[in-house]
Every structure is written in C-alpha cells, then in structure tokens.
Protein backbone atom coordinates (compact mmCIF):
# COMPACT_ATOMS: atom_id res chain seq x y z
CA UNK A 1 -142.75 76.86 18.30
CA UNK A 2 -141.32 76.85 14.89
CA UNK A 3 -140.88 73.57 12.69
CA UNK A 4 -136.81 74.45 12.56
CA UNK A 5 -136.48 74.79 16.71
CA UNK A 6 -138.19 71.88 17.08
CA UNK A 7 -136.31 69.82 14.75
CA UNK A 8 -133.18 70.72 16.81
CA UNK A 9 -134.81 68.92 19.82
CA UNK A 10 -134.13 65.44 20.66
CA UNK A 11 -137.40 64.25 21.68
CA UNK A 12 -138.74 65.15 18.10
CA UNK A 13 -136.52 62.69 16.29
CA UNK A 14 -137.70 59.82 19.32
CA UNK A 15 -140.97 60.87 18.27
CA UNK A 16 -140.36 61.10 14.82
CA UNK A 17 -139.36 57.60 14.45
CA UNK A 18 -141.94 56.12 17.18
CA UNK A 19 -144.21 57.14 14.21
CA UNK A 20 -142.21 56.31 11.18
CA UNK A 21 -141.00 53.09 12.24
CA UNK A 22 -144.74 51.48 12.68
CA UNK A 23 -146.08 53.48 9.30
CA UNK A 24 -143.02 52.08 7.51
CA UNK A 25 -143.80 48.39 8.45
CA UNK A 26 -147.56 49.42 7.47
CA UNK A 27 -146.82 50.79 4.63
CA UNK A 28 -144.38 47.97 3.45
CA UNK A 29 -147.14 45.17 4.07
CA UNK A 30 -150.22 46.88 2.65
CA UNK A 31 -147.34 47.48 -0.96
CA UNK A 32 -146.32 44.06 -1.03
CA UNK A 33 -149.96 42.39 -0.12
CA UNK A 34 -151.72 44.73 -3.48
CA UNK A 35 -148.63 44.10 -5.64
CA UNK A 36 -147.80 40.40 -5.02
CA UNK A 37 -151.05 38.96 -3.19
CA UNK A 38 -151.41 36.04 -5.65
CA UNK A 39 -147.38 35.09 -4.93
CA UNK A 40 -147.98 35.50 -1.28
CA UNK A 41 -150.76 33.37 -0.67
CA UNK A 42 -149.02 30.88 -3.33
CA UNK A 43 -146.25 31.18 -1.23
CA UNK A 44 -144.06 31.44 -4.36
CA UNK A 45 -141.54 33.97 -2.97
CA UNK A 46 -138.96 33.13 -5.30
CA UNK A 47 -141.18 35.18 -8.18
CA UNK A 48 -142.52 37.66 -5.28
CA UNK A 49 -138.50 38.55 -5.15
CA UNK A 50 -138.01 38.74 -8.58
CA UNK A 51 -141.01 41.42 -9.13
CA UNK A 52 -139.95 43.38 -6.24
CA UNK A 53 -136.56 43.36 -5.46
CA UNK A 54 -134.47 42.17 -8.28
CA UNK A 55 -132.15 43.90 -10.97
CA UNK A 56 -132.22 46.88 -8.22
CA UNK A 57 -136.00 47.15 -7.82
CA UNK A 58 -135.28 47.12 -4.54
CA UNK A 59 -133.82 50.34 -4.43
CA UNK A 60 -137.22 51.83 -5.70
CA UNK A 61 -139.56 49.62 -3.70
CA UNK A 62 -137.40 50.57 -0.20
CA UNK A 63 -136.77 54.26 -0.97
CA UNK A 64 -140.31 55.18 -1.29
CA UNK A 65 -141.58 53.73 1.92
CA UNK A 66 -138.51 55.42 3.94
CA UNK A 67 -138.93 58.55 2.72
CA UNK A 68 -143.07 58.61 2.77
CA UNK A 69 -142.55 56.98 6.33
CA UNK A 70 -140.08 59.75 7.39
CA UNK A 71 -142.24 62.66 6.08
CA UNK A 72 -145.41 61.03 7.64
CA UNK A 73 -143.33 60.64 11.14
CA UNK A 74 -142.24 64.26 10.96
CA UNK A 75 -145.36 66.21 9.95
CA UNK A 76 -147.27 64.11 12.66
CA UNK A 77 -144.52 64.53 15.18
CA UNK A 78 -144.74 68.78 14.28
CA UNK A 79 -148.32 68.63 14.65
CA UNK A 80 -148.50 67.10 17.79
CA UNK A 81 -145.70 68.50 19.66
CA UNK A 82 -146.01 71.75 21.44
C-alpha cells in the first residue's frame, strides 16, 4: 500500500502518535540535558528558562522537536504498517 493511502487511515495516525509522543519526550529530555545540564543539576531553573525559552526561543526549541518527532513517527509507522 502506498504512503498516501496509508495516511488516510485512522490507524496510521494512531500509530504515528504512539511513536511520536514518547520520542518527543525523549528528544526534549536529551536536548535539555545537553544544552543545560549544569543548570538542571544546580537547580537553577530561572537560568534554564532564560537560556532556552525566553524572548521567543521557546518557538524554535519546541518546533524542531515537534517536527522531528512527527516525521519520525510517520516514517516508522509507514515502515511497519502493511
């Protein structure tokens, strides 16, 4: 079955989100640990927010992760769905 026929099925999107949501959480945690591990372990969450989320930085921070997770979920669902 082609990709375009698969995306019309409800089961495709259910499976996509089953994969994308845990992947999104994983990518977010890894990203925060890589970018701000000192602030996290020091408990300096104000600096963490300033570095990652203030002045519109939250748009870039979340948009990459949402896009990457959705693409990965669709890829894995397409690959494993018959």
